[in-house]
């Protein structure tokens, strides 16, 4: 997961377990909750437990968002940078190849594409 996205509590509940959540109360107050727990799947049987130990039941929560881990963001940005570099290099190479001899040699980029787990049909 790794993108910060608000979810309306009335429409969707998170999976139970330990994750970092940002919880918004009905009046806009924000709480950091390291878990969503409980013994049921609906209503007052589940709750967010915030960092102070307070319980926030679904009927008192407007919205929630999972807080992405910093290392997840760093890894994603690193992968995005590699993808941008690959695209730029492929474009430059393609333009030069067509200008000089009209042929392309895609094998030149296959190892970089494999590293990024990009599958293409040959």
PDB file of N, CA and C in Angstrom:
ATOM      1  N   UNK A   1       0.863  -1.122   0.000  1.00  0.00           N
ATOM      2  CA  UNK A   1       0.000   0.000   0.000  1.00  0.00           C
ATOM      3  C   UNK A   1       0.884   1.150   0.000  1.00  0.00           C
ATOM      4  N   UNK A   2       0.767   1.872  -0.431  1.00  0.00           N
ATOM      5  CA  UNK A   2       1.604   2.820   0.032  1.00  0.00           C
ATOM      6  C   UNK A   2       1.358   4.212  -0.282  1.00  0.00           C
ATOM      7  N   UNK A   3       0.218   4.491  -0.438  1.00  0.00           N
ATOM      8  CA  UNK A   3      -0.208   5.838  -0.747  1.00  0.00           C
ATOM      9  C   UNK A   3      -1.204   6.280   0.319  1.00  0.00           C
ATOM     10  N   UNK A   4      -1.137   7.554   0.706  1.00  0.00           N
ATOM     11  CA  UNK A   4      -2.039   8.100   1.714  1.00  0.00           C
ATOM     12  C   UNK A   4      -3.386   8.391   1.050  1.00  0.00           C
ATOM     13  N   UNK A   5      -4.444   7.748   1.561  1.00  0.00           N
ATOM     14  CA  UNK A   5      -5.764   7.920   0.972  1.00  0.00           C
ATOM     15  C   UNK A   5      -6.813   7.863   2.076  1.00  0.00           C
ATOM     16  N   UNK A   6      -7.710   8.835   2.097  1.00  0.00           N
ATOM     17  CA  UNK A   6      -8.794   8.848   3.079  1.00  0.00           C
ATOM     18  C   UNK A   6      -9.895   7.871   2.667  1.00  0.00           C
ATOM     19  N   UNK A   7     -10.459   7.189   3.660  1.00  0.00           N
ATOM     20  CA  UNK A   7     -11.585   6.284   3.462  1.00  0.00           C
ATOM     21  C   UNK A   7     -12.703   6.733   4.394  1.00  0.00           C
ATOM     22  N   UNK A   8     -13.910   6.833   3.890  1.00  0.00           N
ATOM     23  CA  UNK A   8     -15.049   7.203   4.725  1.00  0.00           C
ATOM     24  C   UNK A   8     -15.442   5.989   5.571  1.00  0.00           C
ATOM     25  N   UNK A   9     -15.536   6.179   6.871  1.00  0.00           N
ATOM     26  CA  UNK A   9     -15.816   5.067   7.774  1.00  0.00           C
ATOM     27  C   UNK A   9     -17.184   4.456   7.507  1.00  0.00           C
ATOM     28  N   UNK A  10     -18.150   5.264   7.106  1.00  0.00           N
ATOM     29  CA  UNK A  10     -19.495   4.751   6.837  1.00  0.00           C
ATOM     30  C   UNK A  10     -19.513   3.815   5.627  1.00  0.00           C
ATOM     31  N   UNK A  11     -18.511   3.925   4.773  1.00  0.00           N
ATOM     32  CA  UNK A  11     -18.465   3.118   3.554  1.00  0.00           C
ATOM     33  C   UNK A  11     -17.504   1.941   3.630  1.00  0.00           C
ATOM     34  N   UNK A  12     -16.467   2.068   4.468  1.00  0.00           N
ATOM     35  CA  UNK A  12     -15.404   1.059   4.436  1.00  0.00           C
ATOM     36  C   UNK A  12     -14.655   1.036   5.758  1.00  0.00           C
ATOM     37  N   UNK A  13     -14.411  -0.171   6.269  1.00  0.00           N
ATOM     38  CA  UNK A  13     -13.615  -0.329   7.490  1.00  0.00           C
ATOM     39  C   UNK A  13     -12.290  -0.983   7.126  1.00  0.00           C
ATOM     40  N   UNK A  14     -11.226  -0.658   7.868  1.00  0.00           N
ATOM     41  CA  UNK A  14      -9.942  -1.311   7.586  1.00  0.00           C
ATOM     42  C   UNK A  14      -9.937  -2.744   8.108  1.00  0.00           C
ATOM     43  N   UNK A  15      -8.930  -3.494   7.715  1.00  0.00           N
ATOM     44  CA  UNK A  15      -8.741  -4.824   8.274  1.00  0.00           C
ATOM     45  C   UNK A  15      -8.253  -4.671   9.709  1.00  0.00           C
ATOM     46  N   UNK A  16      -8.654  -5.608  10.560  1.00  0.00           N
ATOM     47  CA  UNK A  16      -8.186  -5.553  11.939  1.00  0.00           C
ATOM     48  C   UNK A  16      -6.706  -5.896  11.987  1.00  0.00           C
ATOM     49  N   UNK A  17      -6.007  -5.234  12.882  1.00  0.00           N
ATOM     50  CA  UNK A  17      -4.594  -5.531  13.073  1.00  0.00           C
ATOM     51  C   UNK A  17      -3.795  -4.288  13.382  1.00  0.00           C
ATOM     52  N   UNK A  18      -2.492  -4.494  13.517  1.00  0.00           N
ATOM     53  CA  UNK A  18      -1.572  -3.405  13.833  1.00  0.00           C
ATOM     54  C   UNK A  18      -1.087  -2.749  12.550  1.00  0.00           C
ATOM     55  N   UNK A  19      -1.476  -1.537  12.358  1.00  0.00           N
ATOM     56  CA  UNK A  19      -1.003  -0.675  11.278  1.00  0.00           C
ATOM     57  C   UNK A  19      -1.150   0.740  11.803  1.00  0.00           C
ATOM     58  N   UNK A  20      -0.453   1.676  11.235  1.00  0.00           N
ATOM     59  CA  UNK A  20      -0.597   3.067  11.653  1.00  0.00           C
ATOM     60  C   UNK A  20      -1.719   3.715  10.864  1.00  0.00           C
ATOM     61  N   UNK A  21      -2.700   4.255  11.596  1.00  0.00           N
ATOM     62  CA  UNK A  21      -3.846   4.919  10.986  1.00  0.00           C
ATOM     63  C   UNK A  21      -3.932   6.353  11.474  1.00  0.00           C
ATOM     64  N   UNK A  22      -4.393   7.214  10.598  1.00  0.00           N
ATOM     65  CA  UNK A  22      -4.789   8.552  10.979  1.00  0.00           C
ATOM     66  C   UNK A  22      -6.310   8.533  10.975  1.00  0.00           C
ATOM     67  N   UNK A  23      -6.903   8.880  12.113  1.00  0.00           N
ATOM     68  CA  UNK A  23      -8.345   8.788  12.288  1.00  0.00           C
ATOM     69  C   UNK A  23      -8.904  10.196  12.441  1.00  0.00           C
ATOM     70  N   UNK A  24      -9.978  10.508  11.676  1.00  0.00           N
ATOM     71  CA  UNK A  24     -10.614  11.814  11.769  1.00  0.00           C
ATOM     72  C   UNK A  24     -11.960  11.658  12.471  1.00  0.00           C
ATOM     73  N   UNK A  25     -12.121  12.426  13.549  1.00  0.00           N
ATOM     74  CA  UNK A  25     -13.379  12.413  14.275  1.00  0.00           C
ATOM     75  C   UNK A  25     -14.450  13.199  13.537  1.00  0.00           C
ATOM     76  N   UNK A  26     -15.689  13.158  14.014  1.00  0.00           N
ATOM     77  CA  UNK A  26     -16.801  13.826  13.326  1.00  0.00           C
ATOM     78  C   UNK A  26     -16.655  15.343  13.254  1.00  0.00           C
ATOM     79  N   UNK A  27     -15.858  15.937  14.165  1.00  0.00           N
ATOM     80  CA  UNK A  27     -15.649  17.386  14.150  1.00  0.00           C
ATOM     81  C   UNK A  27     -14.303  17.790  13.559  1.00  0.00           C
ATOM     82  N   UNK A  28     -13.605  16.842  12.919  1.00  0.00           N
ATOM     83  CA  UNK A  28     -12.345  17.157  12.257  1.00  0.00           C
ATOM     84  C   UNK A  28     -11.108  16.914  13.093  1.00  0.00           C
ATOM     85  N   UNK A  29     -11.243  16.452  14.339  1.00  0.00           N
ATOM     86  CA  UNK A  29     -10.072  16.139  15.154  1.00  0.00           C
ATOM     87  C   UNK A  29      -9.324  14.958  14.568  1.00  0.00           C
ATOM     88  N   UNK A  30      -7.990  14.982  14.678  1.00  0.00           N
ATOM     89  CA  UNK A  30      -7.167  13.915  14.130  1.00  0.00           C
ATOM     90  C   UNK A  30      -6.472  13.152  15.247  1.00  0.00           C
ATOM     91  N   UNK A  31      -6.399  11.841  15.099  1.00  0.00           N
ATOM     92  CA  UNK A  31      -5.795  10.975  16.098  1.00  0.00           C
ATOM     93  C   UNK A  31      -4.918   9.957  15.382  1.00  0.00           C
ATOM     94  N   UNK A  32      -3.764   9.656  15.970  1.00  0.00           N
ATOM     95  CA  UNK A  32      -2.911   8.606  15.443  1.00  0.00           C
ATOM     96  C   UNK A  32      -3.255   7.320  16.179  1.00  0.00           C
ATOM     97  N   UNK A  33      -3.606   6.297  15.425  1.00  0.00           N
ATOM     98  CA  UNK A  33      -4.000   5.022  16.015  1.00  0.00           C
ATOM     99  C   UNK A  33      -3.137   3.910  15.420  1.00  0.00           C
ATOM    100  N   UNK A  34      -2.366   3.215  16.244  1.00  0.00           N
ATOM    101  CA  UNK A  34      -1.511   2.154  15.726  1.00  0.00           C
ATOM    102  C   UNK A  34      -2.215   0.816  15.542  1.00  0.00           C
ATOM    103  N   UNK A  35      -3.544   0.774  15.724  1.00  0.00           N
ATOM    104  CA  UNK A  35      -4.254  -0.490  15.525  1.00  0.00           C
ATOM    105  C   UNK A  35      -5.751  -0.283  15.361  1.00  0.00           C
ATOM    106  N   UNK A  36      -6.361  -1.239  14.672  1.00  0.00           N
ATOM    107  CA  UNK A  36      -7.808  -1.338  14.551  1.00  0.00           C
ATOM    108  C   UNK A  36      -8.134  -2.728  15.055  1.00  0.00           C
ATOM    109  N   UNK A  37      -8.946  -2.805  16.104  1.00  0.00           N
ATOM    110  CA  UNK A  37      -9.151  -4.090  16.759  1.00  0.00           C
ATOM    111  C   UNK A  37     -10.590  -4.266  17.192  1.00  0.00           C
ATOM    112  N   UNK A  38     -10.880  -5.395  17.770  1.00  0.00           N
ATOM    113  CA  UNK A  38     -12.212  -5.678  18.273  1.00  0.00           C
ATOM    114  C   UNK A  38     -12.549  -7.138  18.112  1.00  0.00           C
ATOM    115  N   UNK A  39     -13.759  -7.474  18.455  1.00  0.00           N
ATOM    116  CA  UNK A  39     -14.168  -8.874  18.411  1.00  0.00           C
ATOM    117  C   UNK A  39     -15.276  -9.130  17.419  1.00  0.00           C
ATOM    118  N   UNK A  40     -15.680  -8.132  16.675  1.00  0.00           N
ATOM    119  CA  UNK A  40     -16.739  -8.307  15.687  1.00  0.00           C
ATOM    120  C   UNK A  40     -16.391  -7.594  14.412  1.00  0.00           C
ATOM    121  N   UNK A  41     -17.322  -7.567  13.507  1.00  0.00           N
ATOM    122  CA  UNK A  41     -17.092  -6.933  12.216  1.00  0.00           C
ATOM    123  C   UNK A  41     -17.922  -5.673  12.004  1.00  0.00           C
ATOM    124  N   UNK A  42     -18.833  -5.356  12.927  1.00  0.00           N
ATOM    125  CA  UNK A  42     -19.710  -4.222  12.671  1.00  0.00           C
ATOM    126  C   UNK A  42     -19.916  -3.376  13.926  1.00  0.00           C
ATOM    127  N   UNK A  43     -20.448  -2.218  13.701  1.00  0.00           N
ATOM    128  CA  UNK A  43     -20.889  -1.332  14.781  1.00  0.00           C
ATOM    129  C   UNK A  43     -19.884  -1.115  15.883  1.00  0.00           C
ATOM    130  N   UNK A  44     -20.319  -1.317  17.114  1.00  0.00           N
ATOM    131  CA  UNK A  44     -19.472  -1.035  18.269  1.00  0.00           C
ATOM    132  C   UNK A  44     -18.629  -2.224  18.699  1.00  0.00           C
ATOM    133  N   UNK A  45     -18.531  -3.247  17.852  1.00  0.00           N
ATOM    134  CA  UNK A  45     -17.710  -4.410  18.177  1.00  0.00           C
ATOM    135  C   UNK A  45     -16.250  -4.226  17.783  1.00  0.00           C
ATOM    136  N   UNK A  46     -15.948  -3.168  17.034  1.00  0.00           N
ATOM    137  CA  UNK A  46     -14.579  -2.876  16.607  1.00  0.00           C
ATOM    138  C   UNK A  46     -14.275  -1.417  16.927  1.00  0.00           C
ATOM    139  N   UNK A  47     -12.987  -1.081  16.968  1.00  0.00           N
ATOM    140  CA  UNK A  47     -12.588   0.283  17.312  1.00  0.00           C
ATOM    141  C   UNK A  47     -11.131   0.524  16.924  1.00  0.00           C
ATOM    142  N   UNK A  48     -10.778   1.802  16.798  1.00  0.00           N
ATOM    143  CA  UNK A  48      -9.386   2.225  16.691  1.00  0.00           C
ATOM    144  C   UNK A  48      -8.911   2.501  18.110  1.00  0.00           C
ATOM    145  N   UNK A  49      -7.719   2.082  18.445  1.00  0.00           N
ATOM    146  CA  UNK A  49      -7.111   2.434  19.732  1.00  0.00           C
ATOM    147  C   UNK A  49      -6.007   3.433  19.411  1.00  0.00           C
ATOM    148  N   UNK A  50      -6.141   4.674  19.917  1.00  0.00           N
ATOM    149  CA  UNK A  50      -5.143   5.688  19.590  1.00  0.00           C
ATOM    150  C   UNK A  50      -3.911   5.550  20.477  1.00  0.00           C
ATOM    151  N   UNK A  51      -2.923   6.423  20.263  1.00  0.00           N
ATOM    152  CA  UNK A  51      -1.653   6.334  20.975  1.00  0.00           C
ATOM    153  C   UNK A  51      -1.786   6.627  22.463  1.00  0.00           C
ATOM    154  N   UNK A  52      -2.886   7.228  22.895  1.00  0.00           N
ATOM    155  CA  UNK A  52      -3.121   7.482  24.318  1.00  0.00           C
ATOM    156  C   UNK A  52      -3.951   6.375  24.970  1.00  0.00           C
ATOM    157  N   UNK A  53      -4.355   5.394  24.170  1.00  0.00           N
ATOM    158  CA  UNK A  53      -5.155   4.303  24.700  1.00  0.00           C
ATOM    159  C   UNK A  53      -6.654   4.528  24.594  1.00  0.00           C
ATOM    160  N   UNK A  54      -7.079   5.650  24.030  1.00  0.00           N
ATOM    161  CA  UNK A  54      -8.504   5.932  23.860  1.00  0.00           C
ATOM    162  C   UNK A  54      -9.080   5.087  22.726  1.00  0.00           C
ATOM    163  N   UNK A  55     -10.329   4.701  22.863  1.00  0.00           N
ATOM    164  CA  UNK A  55     -11.006   3.925  21.834  1.00  0.00           C
ATOM    165  C   UNK A  55     -11.869   4.836  20.975  1.00  0.00           C
ATOM    166  N   UNK A  56     -11.826   4.637  19.666  1.00  0.00           N
ATOM    167  CA  UNK A  56     -12.628   5.412  18.716  1.00  0.00           C
ATOM    168  C   UNK A  56     -13.490   4.427  17.944  1.00  0.00           C
ATOM    169  N   UNK A  57     -14.759   4.369  18.296  1.00  0.00           N
ATOM    170  CA  UNK A  57     -15.703   3.446  17.672  1.00  0.00           C
ATOM    171  C   UNK A  57     -16.143   3.974  16.318  1.00  0.00           C
ATOM    172  N   UNK A  58     -16.539   3.100  15.395  1.00  0.00           N
ATOM    173  CA  UNK A  58     -16.903   3.516  14.038  1.00  0.00           C
ATOM    174  C   UNK A  58     -17.944   4.630  13.968  1.00  0.00           C
ATOM    175  N   UNK A  59     -18.903   4.656  14.887  1.00  0.00           N
ATOM    176  CA  UNK A  59     -19.925   5.705  14.815  1.00  0.00           C
ATOM    177  C   UNK A  59     -19.389   7.079  15.230  1.00  0.00           C
ATOM    178  N   UNK A  60     -18.173   7.127  15.760  1.00  0.00           N
ATOM    179  CA  UNK A  60     -17.535   8.394  16.141  1.00  0.00           C
ATOM    180  C   UNK A  60     -16.329   8.712  15.255  1.00  0.00           C
ATOM    181  N   UNK A  61     -16.217   7.997  14.128  1.00  0.00           N
ATOM    182  CA  UNK A  61     -15.114   8.222  13.196  1.00  0.00           C
ATOM    183  C   UNK A  61     -15.696   8.634  11.844  1.00  0.00           C
ATOM    184  N   UNK A  62     -15.276   9.783  11.342  1.00  0.00           N
ATOM    185  CA  UNK A  62     -15.724  10.246  10.028  1.00  0.00           C
ATOM    186  C   UNK A  62     -14.948   9.540   8.920  1.00  0.00           C
ATOM    187  N   UNK A  63     -13.612   9.507   9.061  1.00  0.00           N
ATOM    188  CA  UNK A  63     -12.765   8.930   8.023  1.00  0.00           C
ATOM    189  C   UNK A  63     -11.476   8.404   8.641  1.00  0.00           C
ATOM    190  N   UNK A  64     -10.807   7.533   7.901  1.00  0.00           N
ATOM    191  CA  UNK A  64      -9.526   6.985   8.340  1.00  0.00           C
ATOM    192  C   UNK A  64      -8.606   6.834   7.133  1.00  0.00           C
ATOM    193  N   UNK A  65      -7.308   6.815   7.405  1.00  0.00           N
ATOM    194  CA  UNK A  65      -6.309   6.611   6.352  1.00  0.00           C
ATOM    195  C   UNK A  65      -5.154   5.820   6.943  1.00  0.00           C
ATOM    196  N   UNK A  66      -4.640   4.894   6.165  1.00  0.00           N
ATOM    197  CA  UNK A  66      -3.450   4.173   6.598  1.00  0.00           C
ATOM    198  C   UNK A  66      -2.240   5.053   6.307  1.00  0.00           C
ATOM    199  N   UNK A  67      -1.371   5.196   7.284  1.00  0.00           N
ATOM    200  CA  UNK A  67      -0.173   6.020   7.127  1.00  0.00           C
ATOM    201  C   UNK A  67       0.911   5.155   6.493  1.00  0.00           C
ATOM    202  N   UNK A  68       1.405   5.531   5.303  1.00  0.00           N
ATOM    203  CA  UNK A  68       2.430   4.704   4.656  1.00  0.00           C
ATOM    204  C   UNK A  68       3.742   4.772   5.427  1.00  0.00           C
ATOM    205  N   UNK A  69       4.451   3.677   5.411  1.00  0.00           N
ATOM    206  CA  UNK A  69       5.765   3.618   6.051  1.00  0.00           C
ATOM    207  C   UNK A  69       6.747   4.439   5.239  1.00  0.00           C
ATOM    208  N   UNK A  70       7.664   5.085   5.905  1.00  0.00           N
ATOM    209  CA  UNK A  70       8.641   5.925   5.233  1.00  0.00           C
ATOM    210  C   UNK A  70       9.485   5.106   4.264  1.00  0.00           C
ATOM    211  N   UNK A  71       9.916   3.908   4.672  1.00  0.00           N
ATOM    212  CA  UNK A  71      10.746   3.093   3.785  1.00  0.00           C
ATOM    213  C   UNK A  71       9.969   2.658   2.554  1.00  0.00           C
ATOM    214  N   UNK A  72       8.659   2.463   2.655  1.00  0.00           N
ATOM    215  CA  UNK A  72       7.843   2.130   1.485  1.00  0.00           C
ATOM    216  C   UNK A  72       7.860   3.275   0.483  1.00  0.00           C
ATOM    217  N   UNK A  73       7.740   4.496   0.988  1.00  0.00           N
ATOM    218  CA  UNK A  73       7.762   5.659   0.098  1.00  0.00           C
ATOM    219  C   UNK A  73       9.110   5.786  -0.579  1.00  0.00           C
ATOM    220  N   UNK A  74      10.207   5.568   0.200  1.00  0.00           N
ATOM    221  CA  UNK A  74      11.547   5.669  -0.370  1.00  0.00           C
ATOM    222  C   UNK A  74      11.754   4.624  -1.457  1.00  0.00           C
ATOM    223  N   UNK A  75      11.306   3.395  -1.209  1.00  0.00           N
ATOM    224  CA  UNK A  75      11.451   2.336  -2.200  1.00  0.00           C
ATOM    225  C   UNK A  75      10.640   2.659  -3.445  1.00  0.00           C
ATOM    226  N   UNK A  76       9.431   3.174  -3.265  1.00  0.00           N
ATOM    227  CA  UNK A  76       8.583   3.525  -4.405  1.00  0.00           C
ATOM    228  C   UNK A  76       9.211   4.660  -5.207  1.00  0.00           C
ATOM    229  N   UNK A  77       9.752   5.658  -4.522  1.00  0.00           N
ATOM    230  CA  UNK A  77      10.373   6.775  -5.232  1.00  0.00           C
ATOM    231  C   UNK A  77      11.609   6.309  -5.994  1.00  0.00           C
ATOM    232  N   UNK A  78      12.367   5.395  -5.398  1.00  0.00           N
ATOM    233  CA  UNK A  78      13.536   4.844  -6.073  1.00  0.00           C
ATOM    234  C   UNK A  78      13.123   4.111  -7.344  1.00  0.00           C
ATOM    235  N   UNK A  79      12.056   3.325  -7.257  1.00  0.00           N
ATOM    236  CA  UNK A  79      11.564   2.605  -8.428  1.00  0.00           C
ATOM    237  C   UNK A  79      11.033   3.583  -9.478  1.00  0.00           C
ATOM    238  N   UNK A  80      10.332   4.620  -9.035  1.00  0.00           N
ATOM    239  CA  UNK A  80       9.835   5.633  -9.973  1.00  0.00           C
ATOM    240  C   UNK A  80      10.986   6.320 -10.694  1.00  0.00           C
ATOM    241  N   UNK A  81      12.060   6.611  -9.975  1.00  0.00           N
ATOM    242  CA  UNK A  81      13.229   7.245 -10.584  1.00  0.00           C
ATOM    243  C   UNK A  81      13.833   6.334 -11.646  1.00  0.00           C
ATOM    244  N   UNK A  82      13.959   5.045 -11.329  1.00  0.00           N
ATOM    245  CA  UNK A  82      14.497   4.097 -12.307  1.00  0.00           C
ATOM    246  C   UNK A  82      13.605   4.011 -13.541  1.00  0.00           C
ATOM    247  N   UNK A  83      12.288   4.019 -13.338  1.00  0.00           N
ATOM    248  CA  UNK A  83      11.368   3.968 -14.477  1.00  0.00           C
ATOM    249  C   UNK A  83      11.492   5.210 -15.351  1.00  0.00           C
ATOM    250  N   UNK A  84      11.598   6.382 -14.717  1.00  0.00           N
ATOM    251  CA  UNK A  84      11.760   7.618 -15.490  1.00  0.00           C
ATOM    252  C   UNK A  84      13.051   7.581 -16.306  1.00  0.00           C
ATOM    253  N   UNK A  85      14.152   7.119 -15.676  1.00  0.00           N
ATOM    254  CA  UNK A  85      15.429   7.045 -16.378  1.00  0.00           C
ATOM    255  C   UNK A  85      15.358   6.064 -17.552  1.00  0.00           C
ATOM    256  N   UNK A  86      14.716   4.909 -17.320  1.00  0.00           N
ATOM    257  CA  UNK A  86      14.568   3.920 -18.389  1.00  0.00           C
ATOM    258  C   UNK A  86      13.776   4.499 -19.555  1.00  0.00           C
ATOM    259  N   UNK A  87      12.676   5.165 -19.269  1.00  0.00           N
ATOM    260  CA  UNK A  87      11.855   5.761 -20.332  1.00  0.00           C
ATOM    261  C   UNK A  87      12.626   6.813 -21.112  1.00  0.00           C
ATOM    262  N   UNK A  88      13.360   7.679 -20.415  1.00  0.00           N
ATOM    263  CA  UNK A  88      14.147   8.707 -21.099  1.00  0.00           C
ATOM    264  C   UNK A  88      15.201   8.070 -22.000  1.00  0.00           C
ATOM    265  N   UNK A  89      15.926   7.070 -21.460  1.00  0.00           N
ATOM    266  CA  UNK A  89      16.975   6.413 -22.242  1.00  0.00           C
ATOM    267  C   UNK A  89      16.392   5.697 -23.457  1.00  0.00           C
ATOM    268  N   UNK A  90      15.263   5.021 -23.276  1.00  0.00           N
ATOM    269  CA  UNK A  90      14.636   4.316 -24.392  1.00  0.00           C
ATOM    270  C   UNK A  90      14.193   5.298 -25.465  1.00  0.00           C
ATOM    271  N   UNK A  91      13.632   6.424 -25.067  1.00  0.00           N
ATOM    272  CA  UNK A  91      13.178   7.412 -26.039  1.00  0.00           C
ATOM    273  C   UNK A  91      14.360   7.982 -26.825  1.00  0.00           C
ATOM    274  N   UNK A  92      15.415   8.378 -26.107  1.00  0.00           N
ATOM    275  CA  UNK A  92      16.592   8.925 -26.790  1.00  0.00           C
ATOM    276  C   UNK A  92      17.181   7.907 -27.764  1.00  0.00           C
ATOM    277  N   UNK A  93      17.290   6.662 -27.294  1.00  0.00           N
ATOM    278  CA  UNK A  93      17.854   5.605 -28.129  1.00  0.00           C
ATOM    279  C   UNK A  93      16.985   5.365 -29.363  1.00  0.00           C
ATOM    280  N   UNK A  94      15.685   5.320 -29.161  1.00  0.00           N
ATOM    281  CA  UNK A  94      14.760   5.063 -30.260  1.00  0.00           C
ATOM    282  C   UNK A  94      14.863   6.172 -31.318  1.00  0.00           C
ATOM    283  N   UNK A  95      14.890   7.410 -30.878  1.00  0.00           N
ATOM    284  CA  UNK A  95      14.985   8.534 -31.819  1.00  0.00           C
ATOM    285  C   UNK A  95      16.293   8.460 -32.596  1.00  0.00           C
ATOM    286  N   UNK A  96      17.416   8.212 -31.883  1.00  0.00           N
ATOM    287  CA  UNK A  96      18.717   8.137 -32.562  1.00  0.00           C
ATOM    288  C   UNK A  96      18.779   6.958 -33.530  1.00  0.00           C
ATOM    289  N   UNK A  97      18.278   5.795 -33.114  1.00  0.00           N
ATOM    290  CA  UNK A  97      18.346   4.596 -33.962  1.00  0.00           C
ATOM    291  C   UNK A  97      17.563   4.779 -35.248  1.00  0.00           C
ATOM    292  N   UNK A  98      16.380   5.343 -35.145  1.00  0.00           N
ATOM    293  CA  UNK A  98      15.551   5.537 -36.331  1.00  0.00           C
ATOM    294  C   UNK A  98      16.201   6.569 -37.252  1.00  0.00           C
ATOM    295  N   UNK A  99      16.837   7.595 -36.673  1.00  0.00           N
ATOM    296  CA  UNK A  99      17.488   8.604 -37.498  1.00  0.00           C
ATOM    297  C   UNK A  99      18.671   8.029 -38.268  1.00  0.00           C
ATOM    298  N   UNK A 100      19.467   7.138 -37.622  1.00  0.00           N
ATOM    299  CA  UNK A 100      20.690   6.647 -38.245  1.00  0.00           C
ATOM    300  C   UNK A 100      20.477   5.458 -39.161  1.00  0.00           C
ATOM    301  N   UNK A 101      19.852   4.395 -38.697  1.00  0.00           N
ATOM    302  CA  UNK A 101      19.739   3.212 -39.559  1.00  0.00           C
ATOM    303  C   UNK A 101      18.334   2.621 -39.625  1.00  0.00           C
ATOM    304  N   UNK A 102      17.381   3.235 -38.972  1.00  0.00           N
ATOM    305  CA  UNK A 102      15.999   2.790 -39.060  1.00  0.00           C
ATOM    306  C   UNK A 102      15.700   1.495 -38.326  1.00  0.00           C
ATOM    307  N   UNK A 103      16.643   0.965 -37.519  1.00  0.00           N
ATOM    308  CA  UNK A 103      16.416  -0.283 -36.796  1.00  0.00           C
ATOM    309  C   UNK A 103      16.485  -0.043 -35.290  1.00  0.00           C
ATOM    310  N   UNK A 104      15.725  -0.865 -34.559  1.00  0.00           N
ATOM    311  CA  UNK A 104      15.732  -0.799 -33.099  1.00  0.00           C
ATOM    312  C   UNK A 104      16.277  -2.099 -32.537  1.00  0.00           C
ATOM    313  N   UNK A 105      16.927  -2.016 -31.386  1.00  0.00           N
ATOM    314  CA  UNK A 105      17.480  -3.184 -30.716  1.00  0.00           C
ATOM    315  C   UNK A 105      16.966  -3.224 -29.278  1.00  0.00           C
ATOM    316  N   UNK A 106      15.751  -3.769 -29.066  1.00  0.00           N
ATOM    317  CA  UNK A 106      15.133  -3.715 -27.741  1.00  0.00           C
ATOM    318  C   UNK A 106      15.862  -4.525 -26.679  1.00  0.00           C
ATOM    319  N   UNK A 107      16.668  -5.503 -27.056  1.00  0.00           N
ATOM    320  CA  UNK A 107      17.375  -6.325 -26.066  1.00  0.00           C
ATOM    321  C   UNK A 107      18.273  -5.467 -25.181  1.00  0.00           C
ATOM    322  N   UNK A 108      18.668  -4.337 -25.689  1.00  0.00           N
ATOM    323  CA  UNK A 108      19.535  -3.429 -24.938  1.00  0.00           C
ATOM    324  C   UNK A 108      18.920  -3.027 -23.599  1.00  0.00           C
ATOM    325  N   UNK A 109      17.588  -3.029 -23.490  1.00  0.00           N
ATOM    326  CA  UNK A 109      16.905  -2.551 -22.289  1.00  0.00           C
ATOM    327  C   UNK A 109      16.262  -3.661 -21.463  1.00  0.00           C
ATOM    328  N   UNK A 110      16.338  -4.906 -21.922  1.00  0.00           N
ATOM    329  CA  UNK A 110      15.627  -5.995 -21.248  1.00  0.00           C
ATOM    330  C   UNK A 110      16.075  -6.222 -19.808  1.00  0.00           C
ATOM    331  N   UNK A 111      17.371  -6.135 -19.519  1.00  0.00           N
ATOM    332  CA  UNK A 111      17.824  -6.385 -18.139  1.00  0.00           C
ATOM    333  C   UNK A 111      17.298  -5.313 -17.186  1.00  0.00           C
ATOM    334  N   UNK A 112      17.278  -4.070 -17.639  1.00  0.00           N
ATOM    335  CA  UNK A 112      16.735  -3.004 -16.786  1.00  0.00           C
ATOM    336  C   UNK A 112      15.237  -3.184 -16.585  1.00  0.00           C
ATOM    337  N   UNK A 113      14.533  -3.611 -17.629  1.00  0.00           N
ATOM    338  CA  UNK A 113      13.101  -3.838 -17.514  1.00  0.00           C
ATOM    339  C   UNK A 113      12.817  -5.027 -16.597  1.00  0.00           C
ATOM    340  N   UNK A 114      13.635  -6.072 -16.677  1.00  0.00           N
ATOM    341  CA  UNK A 114      13.458  -7.218 -15.785  1.00  0.00           C
ATOM    342  C   UNK A 114      13.672  -6.817 -14.335  1.00  0.00           C
ATOM    343  N   UNK A 115      14.646  -5.976 -14.076  1.00  0.00           N
ATOM    344  CA  UNK A 115      14.907  -5.501 -12.713  1.00  0.00           C
ATOM    345  C   UNK A 115      13.690  -4.781 -12.136  1.00  0.00           C
ATOM    346  N   UNK A 116      12.954  -4.074 -12.982  1.00  0.00           N
ATOM    347  CA  UNK A 116      11.773  -3.343 -12.562  1.00  0.00           C
ATOM    348  C   UNK A 116      10.506  -4.186 -12.681  1.00  0.00           C
ATOM    349  N   UNK A 117      10.667  -5.465 -13.028  1.00  0.00           N
ATOM    350  CA  UNK A 117       9.569  -6.412 -13.152  1.00  0.00           C
ATOM    351  C   UNK A 117       8.552  -5.970 -14.205  1.00  0.00           C
ATOM    352  N   UNK A 118       9.071  -5.456 -15.322  1.00  0.00           N
ATOM    353  CA  UNK A 118       8.221  -5.069 -16.446  1.00  0.00           C
ATOM    354  C   UNK A 118       8.228  -6.220 -17.438  1.00  0.00           C
ATOM    355  N   UNK A 119       7.065  -6.809 -17.649  1.00  0.00           N
ATOM    356  CA  UNK A 119       6.943  -7.913 -18.596  1.00  0.00           C
ATOM    357  C   UNK A 119       6.355  -7.382 -19.901  1.00  0.00           C
ATOM    358  N   UNK A 120       6.992  -7.777 -21.001  1.00  0.00           N
ATOM    359  CA  UNK A 120       6.469  -7.397 -22.310  1.00  0.00           C
ATOM    360  C   UNK A 120       6.382  -8.635 -23.176  1.00  0.00           C
ATOM    361  N   UNK A 121       5.393  -8.677 -24.043  1.00  0.00           N
ATOM    362  CA  UNK A 121       5.278  -9.779 -25.001  1.00  0.00           C
ATOM    363  C   UNK A 121       6.159  -9.456 -26.188  1.00  0.00           C
ATOM    364  N   UNK A 122       6.964 -10.412 -26.567  1.00  0.00           N
ATOM    365  CA  UNK A 122       7.890 -10.197 -27.700  1.00  0.00           C
ATOM    366  C   UNK A 122       7.180 -10.394 -29.014  1.00  0.00           C
TER     367      UNK A 122
END
